[in-house]
């Protein structure tokens, strides 16, 4: 019996705010025309997957809809991007002279943006979502799961599960691309490293 589970982590398409390099976080923004065209040309077969999951933010739900028009994903609010607080909707150029921003950008893993999440709070939330996902996969005996989420979430999960040792920011995940992680079920249950990692080789970058 095949005891493996393949989990695709796919980053949402490029949005209008991503194009101007704004911090999106928990804000939302419509997919840009280029992203819609690219996503509409992808040829994923919905029958290749038995579980669909998405962040609750509209840019992820829209991406899922363009990829799989007749699919209703399970919504995981825990898989939102990090909350950038008062920095959301602003660009580096707009923030670079702000004292609080300078402090945060120099200590991003220990400090938090005003009214936003610390990196630790973000990771605790993502782990909560991951554990919920694993429970769902095991309950439903899922073998191929497709998840649309955000750059920060994917980077953190890759740095946690990949056999390739890379720091958080070393993972390059352009919008509209992703990775497939393969586990055996016991590894998945124990939060162990995946047994294989493969890029989703598609065409398809921002703070999002």
C-alpha atoms as a PDB file:
ATOM      1  CA  UNK A   1       0.000   0.000   0.000  1.00  0.00           C
ATOM      2  CA  UNK A   2       1.291   3.460  -0.890  1.00  0.00           C
ATOM      3  CA  UNK A   3       1.851   5.247   2.411  1.00  0.00           C
ATOM      4  CA  UNK A   4       3.012   8.567   0.962  1.00  0.00           C
ATOM      5  CA  UNK A   5       1.317  11.966   0.973  1.00  0.00           C
ATOM      6  CA  UNK A   6       2.187  14.723  -1.510  1.00  0.00           C
ATOM      7  CA  UNK A   7       1.453  18.280  -0.369  1.00  0.00           C
ATOM      8  CA  UNK A   8       1.682  21.097  -2.914  1.00  0.00           C
ATOM      9  CA  UNK A   9       2.353  24.545  -1.423  1.00  0.00           C
ATOM     10  CA  UNK A  10       1.426  27.103  -4.097  1.00  0.00           C
ATOM     11  CA  UNK A  11       1.877  30.859  -3.762  1.00  0.00           C
ATOM     12  CA  UNK A  12      -1.025  33.034  -4.886  1.00  0.00           C
ATOM     13  CA  UNK A  13      -0.799  35.001  -8.106  1.00  0.00           C
ATOM     14  CA  UNK A  14       0.730  38.476  -8.331  1.00  0.00           C
ATOM     15  CA  UNK A  15      -1.574  41.256  -7.096  1.00  0.00           C
ATOM     16  CA  UNK A  16      -1.745  44.953  -7.892  1.00  0.00           C
ATOM     17  CA  UNK A  17      -0.197  45.790  -4.498  1.00  0.00           C
ATOM     18  CA  UNK A  18       2.531  43.200  -5.021  1.00  0.00           C
ATOM     19  CA  UNK A  19       3.396  44.959  -8.292  1.00  0.00           C
ATOM     20  CA  UNK A  20       4.154  48.181  -6.432  1.00  0.00           C
ATOM     21  CA  UNK A  21       6.074  46.153  -3.773  1.00  0.00           C
ATOM     22  CA  UNK A  22       3.784  47.020  -0.881  1.00  0.00           C
ATOM     23  CA  UNK A  23       3.589  44.957   2.307  1.00  0.00           C
ATOM     24  CA  UNK A  24       0.264  43.162   1.973  1.00  0.00           C
ATOM     25  CA  UNK A  25       0.026  40.907   5.022  1.00  0.00           C
ATOM     26  CA  UNK A  26      -3.613  40.701   6.139  1.00  0.00           C
ATOM     27  CA  UNK A  27      -4.661  43.410   3.692  1.00  0.00           C
ATOM     28  CA  UNK A  28      -5.869  42.198   0.339  1.00  0.00           C
ATOM     29  CA  UNK A  29      -5.500  43.235  -3.268  1.00  0.00           C
ATOM     30  CA  UNK A  30      -6.941  41.907  -6.547  1.00  0.00           C
ATOM     31  CA  UNK A  31      -4.838  39.755  -8.804  1.00  0.00           C
ATOM     32  CA  UNK A  32      -3.289  41.771 -11.620  1.00  0.00           C
ATOM     33  CA  UNK A  33      -4.183  41.129 -15.264  1.00  0.00           C
ATOM     34  CA  UNK A  34      -0.878  39.392 -15.945  1.00  0.00           C
ATOM     35  CA  UNK A  35      -1.461  36.960 -13.071  1.00  0.00           C
ATOM     36  CA  UNK A  36      -4.980  36.160 -14.241  1.00  0.00           C
ATOM     37  CA  UNK A  37      -3.706  35.403 -17.734  1.00  0.00           C
ATOM     38  CA  UNK A  38      -0.899  33.176 -16.439  1.00  0.00           C
ATOM     39  CA  UNK A  39      -3.086  31.291 -13.954  1.00  0.00           C
ATOM     40  CA  UNK A  40      -5.819  30.790 -16.532  1.00  0.00           C
ATOM     41  CA  UNK A  41      -3.323  29.057 -18.818  1.00  0.00           C
ATOM     42  CA  UNK A  42      -2.210  26.500 -16.220  1.00  0.00           C
ATOM     43  CA  UNK A  43      -3.412  22.974 -16.780  1.00  0.00           C
ATOM     44  CA  UNK A  44      -3.701  21.408 -13.342  1.00  0.00           C
ATOM     45  CA  UNK A  45      -6.008  18.398 -13.307  1.00  0.00           C
ATOM     46  CA  UNK A  46      -8.380  18.620 -10.311  1.00  0.00           C
ATOM     47  CA  UNK A  47      -8.699  14.837 -10.345  1.00  0.00           C
ATOM     48  CA  UNK A  48      -5.010  14.624  -9.476  1.00  0.00           C
ATOM     49  CA  UNK A  49      -5.797  15.915  -5.980  1.00  0.00           C
ATOM     50  CA  UNK A  50      -8.150  14.747  -3.257  1.00  0.00           C
ATOM     51  CA  UNK A  51      -7.926  17.728  -0.882  1.00  0.00           C
ATOM     52  CA  UNK A  52      -7.878  21.468  -1.607  1.00  0.00           C
ATOM     53  CA  UNK A  53      -6.957  24.026   1.060  1.00  0.00           C
ATOM     54  CA  UNK A  54      -6.617  27.822   0.922  1.00  0.00           C
ATOM     55  CA  UNK A  55      -5.834  30.805   3.069  1.00  0.00           C
ATOM     56  CA  UNK A  56      -9.009  32.814   3.618  1.00  0.00           C
ATOM     57  CA  UNK A  57      -7.587  35.924   1.927  1.00  0.00           C
ATOM     58  CA  UNK A  58      -9.169  36.699  -1.427  1.00  0.00           C
ATOM     59  CA  UNK A  59      -5.934  36.670  -3.435  1.00  0.00           C
ATOM     60  CA  UNK A  60      -5.524  32.982  -2.505  1.00  0.00           C
ATOM     61  CA  UNK A  61      -9.177  32.093  -3.097  1.00  0.00           C
ATOM     62  CA  UNK A  62      -9.066  33.836  -6.488  1.00  0.00           C
ATOM     63  CA  UNK A  63      -5.905  31.942  -7.399  1.00  0.00           C
ATOM     64  CA  UNK A  64      -7.562  28.653  -6.481  1.00  0.00           C
ATOM     65  CA  UNK A  65     -10.587  29.566  -8.576  1.00  0.00           C
ATOM     66  CA  UNK A  66      -8.487  30.297 -11.663  1.00  0.00           C
ATOM     67  CA  UNK A  67      -6.546  27.060 -11.231  1.00  0.00           C
ATOM     68  CA  UNK A  68      -9.514  24.822 -10.370  1.00  0.00           C
ATOM     69  CA  UNK A  69     -12.777  26.446 -11.423  1.00  0.00           C
ATOM     70  CA  UNK A  70     -15.130  23.915  -9.825  1.00  0.00           C
ATOM     71  CA  UNK A  71     -13.306  23.333  -6.532  1.00  0.00           C
ATOM     72  CA  UNK A  72     -14.411  24.565  -3.101  1.00  0.00           C
ATOM     73  CA  UNK A  73     -11.326  24.574  -0.855  1.00  0.00           C
ATOM     74  CA  UNK A  74     -11.230  24.071   2.901  1.00  0.00           C
ATOM     75  CA  UNK A  75     -10.418  27.480   4.425  1.00  0.00           C
ATOM     76  CA  UNK A  76      -7.505  27.776   6.845  1.00  0.00           C
ATOM     77  CA  UNK A  77      -7.198  31.243   8.404  1.00  0.00           C
ATOM     78  CA  UNK A  78      -4.031  29.981  10.126  1.00  0.00           C
ATOM     79  CA  UNK A  79      -2.308  29.958   6.730  1.00  0.00           C
ATOM     80  CA  UNK A  80      -2.571  33.735   6.251  1.00  0.00           C
ATOM     81  CA  UNK A  81       0.537  35.785   5.604  1.00  0.00           C
ATOM     82  CA  UNK A  82       2.218  37.443   8.589  1.00  0.00           C
ATOM     83  CA  UNK A  83       0.379  40.521   9.888  1.00  0.00           C
ATOM     84  CA  UNK A  84       2.581  43.533   9.101  1.00  0.00           C
ATOM     85  CA  UNK A  85       0.443  45.852  11.254  1.00  0.00           C
ATOM     86  CA  UNK A  86       0.729  49.542  10.446  1.00  0.00           C
ATOM     87  CA  UNK A  87       3.207  48.765   7.658  1.00  0.00           C
ATOM     88  CA  UNK A  88       0.553  47.029   5.566  1.00  0.00           C
ATOM     89  CA  UNK A  89      -0.240  48.791   2.310  1.00  0.00           C
ATOM     90  CA  UNK A  90       3.063  50.703   2.361  1.00  0.00           C
ATOM     91  CA  UNK A  91       6.284  50.227   0.433  1.00  0.00           C
ATOM     92  CA  UNK A  92       9.900  50.287   1.558  1.00  0.00           C
ATOM     93  CA  UNK A  93      10.298  53.749   0.048  1.00  0.00           C
ATOM     94  CA  UNK A  94       7.358  54.978   2.111  1.00  0.00           C
ATOM     95  CA  UNK A  95       8.686  53.391   5.308  1.00  0.00           C
ATOM     96  CA  UNK A  96      12.466  53.593   5.105  1.00  0.00           C
ATOM     97  CA  UNK A  97      12.726  56.758   7.259  1.00  0.00           C
ATOM     98  CA  UNK A  98      10.235  55.568   9.908  1.00  0.00           C
ATOM     99  CA  UNK A  99      12.013  54.697  13.166  1.00  0.00           C
ATOM    100  CA  UNK A 100       9.732  51.776  14.020  1.00  0.00           C
ATOM    101  CA  UNK A 101      10.237  50.304  10.571  1.00  0.00           C
ATOM    102  CA  UNK A 102      14.016  50.631  10.757  1.00  0.00           C
ATOM    103  CA  UNK A 103      13.985  48.851  14.110  1.00  0.00           C
ATOM    104  CA  UNK A 104      11.773  46.050  12.835  1.00  0.00           C
ATOM    105  CA  UNK A 105      13.587  45.482   9.530  1.00  0.00           C
ATOM    106  CA  UNK A 106      16.883  45.128  11.425  1.00  0.00           C
ATOM    107  CA  UNK A 107      15.405  42.671  13.953  1.00  0.00           C
ATOM    108  CA  UNK A 108      12.676  40.985  11.937  1.00  0.00           C
ATOM    109  CA  UNK A 109      12.817  37.655  13.771  1.00  0.00           C
ATOM    110  CA  UNK A 110      12.619  39.193  17.266  1.00  0.00           C
ATOM    111  CA  UNK A 111      10.608  42.425  16.937  1.00  0.00           C
ATOM    112  CA  UNK A 112       7.102  42.970  15.633  1.00  0.00           C
ATOM    113  CA  UNK A 113       5.594  45.769  13.518  1.00  0.00           C
ATOM    114  CA  UNK A 114       3.296  48.158  15.422  1.00  0.00           C
ATOM    115  CA  UNK A 115      -0.119  46.463  15.768  1.00  0.00           C
ATOM    116  CA  UNK A 116       1.238  43.435  13.869  1.00  0.00           C
ATOM    117  CA  UNK A 117       2.572  39.960  14.589  1.00  0.00           C
ATOM    118  CA  UNK A 118       6.004  38.969  15.782  1.00  0.00           C
ATOM    119  CA  UNK A 119       7.715  36.224  13.800  1.00  0.00           C
ATOM    120  CA  UNK A 120       7.177  33.899  16.770  1.00  0.00           C
ATOM    121  CA  UNK A 121       3.430  34.631  16.818  1.00  0.00           C
ATOM    122  CA  UNK A 122       3.319  33.991  13.088  1.00  0.00           C
ATOM    123  CA  UNK A 123       5.090  30.632  13.363  1.00  0.00           C
ATOM    124  CA  UNK A 124       2.894  29.474  16.251  1.00  0.00           C
ATOM    125  CA  UNK A 125      -0.153  30.228  14.101  1.00  0.00           C
ATOM    126  CA  UNK A 126       1.276  28.439  11.068  1.00  0.00           C
ATOM    127  CA  UNK A 127       2.092  25.363  13.164  1.00  0.00           C
ATOM    128  CA  UNK A 128      -1.469  25.350  14.464  1.00  0.00           C
ATOM    129  CA  UNK A 129      -2.709  25.364  10.876  1.00  0.00           C
ATOM    130  CA  UNK A 130      -0.232  22.684   9.818  1.00  0.00           C
ATOM    131  CA  UNK A 131      -1.286  20.369  12.651  1.00  0.00           C
ATOM    132  CA  UNK A 132      -4.916  20.918  11.714  1.00  0.00           C
ATOM    133  CA  UNK A 133      -4.048  20.116   8.102  1.00  0.00           C
ATOM    134  CA  UNK A 134      -2.253  16.908   9.067  1.00  0.00           C
ATOM    135  CA  UNK A 135      -5.256  15.803  11.138  1.00  0.00           C
ATOM    136  CA  UNK A 136      -7.514  16.408   8.142  1.00  0.00           C
ATOM    137  CA  UNK A 137      -5.199  14.530   5.773  1.00  0.00           C
ATOM    138  CA  UNK A 138      -5.038  11.532   8.089  1.00  0.00           C
ATOM    139  CA  UNK A 139      -8.785  11.534   8.789  1.00  0.00           C
ATOM    140  CA  UNK A 140      -9.649  11.663   5.093  1.00  0.00           C
ATOM    141  CA  UNK A 141      -6.807   9.368   4.028  1.00  0.00           C
ATOM    142  CA  UNK A 142      -5.748  12.080   1.595  1.00  0.00           C
ATOM    143  CA  UNK A 143      -2.816  11.316  -0.687  1.00  0.00           C
ATOM    144  CA  UNK A 144      -2.477  14.508  -2.747  1.00  0.00           C
ATOM    145  CA  UNK A 145      -3.254  17.890  -1.195  1.00  0.00           C
ATOM    146  CA  UNK A 146      -3.100  21.255  -2.999  1.00  0.00           C
ATOM    147  CA  UNK A 147      -2.721  24.391  -0.845  1.00  0.00           C
ATOM    148  CA  UNK A 148      -2.824  28.020  -1.999  1.00  0.00           C
ATOM    149  CA  UNK A 149      -1.167  30.260   0.565  1.00  0.00           C
ATOM    150  CA  UNK A 150       1.446  33.026   0.951  1.00  0.00           C
ATOM    151  CA  UNK A 151       5.181  33.517   0.497  1.00  0.00           C
ATOM    152  CA  UNK A 152       5.970  33.762   4.212  1.00  0.00           C
ATOM    153  CA  UNK A 153       3.994  30.637   5.062  1.00  0.00           C
ATOM    154  CA  UNK A 154       5.662  28.610   2.315  1.00  0.00           C
ATOM    155  CA  UNK A 155       9.158  29.837   3.235  1.00  0.00           C
ATOM    156  CA  UNK A 156       8.620  28.867   6.863  1.00  0.00           C
ATOM    157  CA  UNK A 157       7.264  25.409   6.043  1.00  0.00           C
ATOM    158  CA  UNK A 158      10.097  24.746   3.595  1.00  0.00           C
ATOM    159  CA  UNK A 159      12.723  25.827   6.136  1.00  0.00           C
ATOM    160  CA  UNK A 160      11.036  23.488   8.655  1.00  0.00           C
ATOM    161  CA  UNK A 161      10.566  20.379   6.501  1.00  0.00           C
ATOM    162  CA  UNK A 162      13.086  20.409   3.672  1.00  0.00           C
ATOM    163  CA  UNK A 163      16.187  18.204   3.756  1.00  0.00           C
ATOM    164  CA  UNK A 164      17.928  21.117   2.030  1.00  0.00           C
ATOM    165  CA  UNK A 165      19.272  23.447   4.704  1.00  0.00           C
ATOM    166  CA  UNK A 166      18.291  26.994   3.815  1.00  0.00           C
ATOM    167  CA  UNK A 167      17.410  29.994   5.951  1.00  0.00           C
ATOM    168  CA  UNK A 168      13.927  31.508   5.739  1.00  0.00           C
ATOM    169  CA  UNK A 169      14.856  34.265   3.280  1.00  0.00           C
ATOM    170  CA  UNK A 170      16.930  31.951   1.074  1.00  0.00           C
ATOM    171  CA  UNK A 171      13.813  30.287  -0.323  1.00  0.00           C
ATOM    172  CA  UNK A 172      12.782  31.904  -3.594  1.00  0.00           C
ATOM    173  CA  UNK A 173       9.070  31.445  -4.297  1.00  0.00           C
ATOM    174  CA  UNK A 174       7.786  33.717  -7.074  1.00  0.00           C
ATOM    175  CA  UNK A 175       4.054  34.362  -7.199  1.00  0.00           C
ATOM    176  CA  UNK A 176       2.174  31.648  -9.039  1.00  0.00           C
ATOM    177  CA  UNK A 177       4.737  28.933  -8.254  1.00  0.00           C
ATOM    178  CA  UNK A 178       5.350  26.485  -5.455  1.00  0.00           C
ATOM    179  CA  UNK A 179       6.802  23.246  -4.158  1.00  0.00           C
ATOM    180  CA  UNK A 180       5.595  19.685  -3.735  1.00  0.00           C
ATOM    181  CA  UNK A 181       6.622  18.043  -0.449  1.00  0.00           C
ATOM    182  CA  UNK A 182       6.293  14.291  -0.131  1.00  0.00           C
ATOM    183  CA  UNK A 183       6.039  12.537   3.243  1.00  0.00           C
ATOM    184  CA  UNK A 184       5.168   9.129   4.484  1.00  0.00           C
ATOM    185  CA  UNK A 185       2.247   9.278   6.866  1.00  0.00           C
ATOM    186  CA  UNK A 186       4.236   8.565  10.019  1.00  0.00           C
ATOM    187  CA  UNK A 187       6.748  11.294   9.157  1.00  0.00           C
ATOM    188  CA  UNK A 188       3.885  13.677   8.590  1.00  0.00           C
ATOM    189  CA  UNK A 189       2.381  12.820  11.956  1.00  0.00           C
ATOM    190  CA  UNK A 190       5.723  13.349  13.713  1.00  0.00           C
ATOM    191  CA  UNK A 191       6.578  16.666  11.992  1.00  0.00           C
ATOM    192  CA  UNK A 192       9.670  15.108  10.427  1.00  0.00           C
ATOM    193  CA  UNK A 193      11.462  16.226   7.267  1.00  0.00           C
ATOM    194  CA  UNK A 194       9.891  15.370   3.938  1.00  0.00           C
ATOM    195  CA  UNK A 195      11.371  12.548   1.865  1.00  0.00           C
ATOM    196  CA  UNK A 196      11.401  14.573  -1.360  1.00  0.00           C
ATOM    197  CA  UNK A 197      10.953  18.147  -2.511  1.00  0.00           C
ATOM    198  CA  UNK A 198      10.200  19.266  -6.049  1.00  0.00           C
ATOM    199  CA  UNK A 199       9.478  22.659  -7.543  1.00  0.00           C
ATOM    200  CA  UNK A 200       6.180  23.248  -9.270  1.00  0.00           C
ATOM    201  CA  UNK A 201       7.751  24.236 -12.555  1.00  0.00           C
ATOM    202  CA  UNK A 202       5.479  26.972 -13.811  1.00  0.00           C
ATOM    203  CA  UNK A 203       5.834  30.510 -14.975  1.00  0.00           C
ATOM    204  CA  UNK A 204       5.183  33.018 -12.588  1.00  0.00           C
ATOM    205  CA  UNK A 205       7.560  38.045  -7.233  1.00  0.00           C
ATOM    206  CA  UNK A 206       6.623  41.075  -3.485  1.00  0.00           C
ATOM    207  CA  UNK A 207       5.810  40.987   0.154  1.00  0.00           C
ATOM    208  CA  UNK A 208       2.880  38.771   0.296  1.00  0.00           C
END
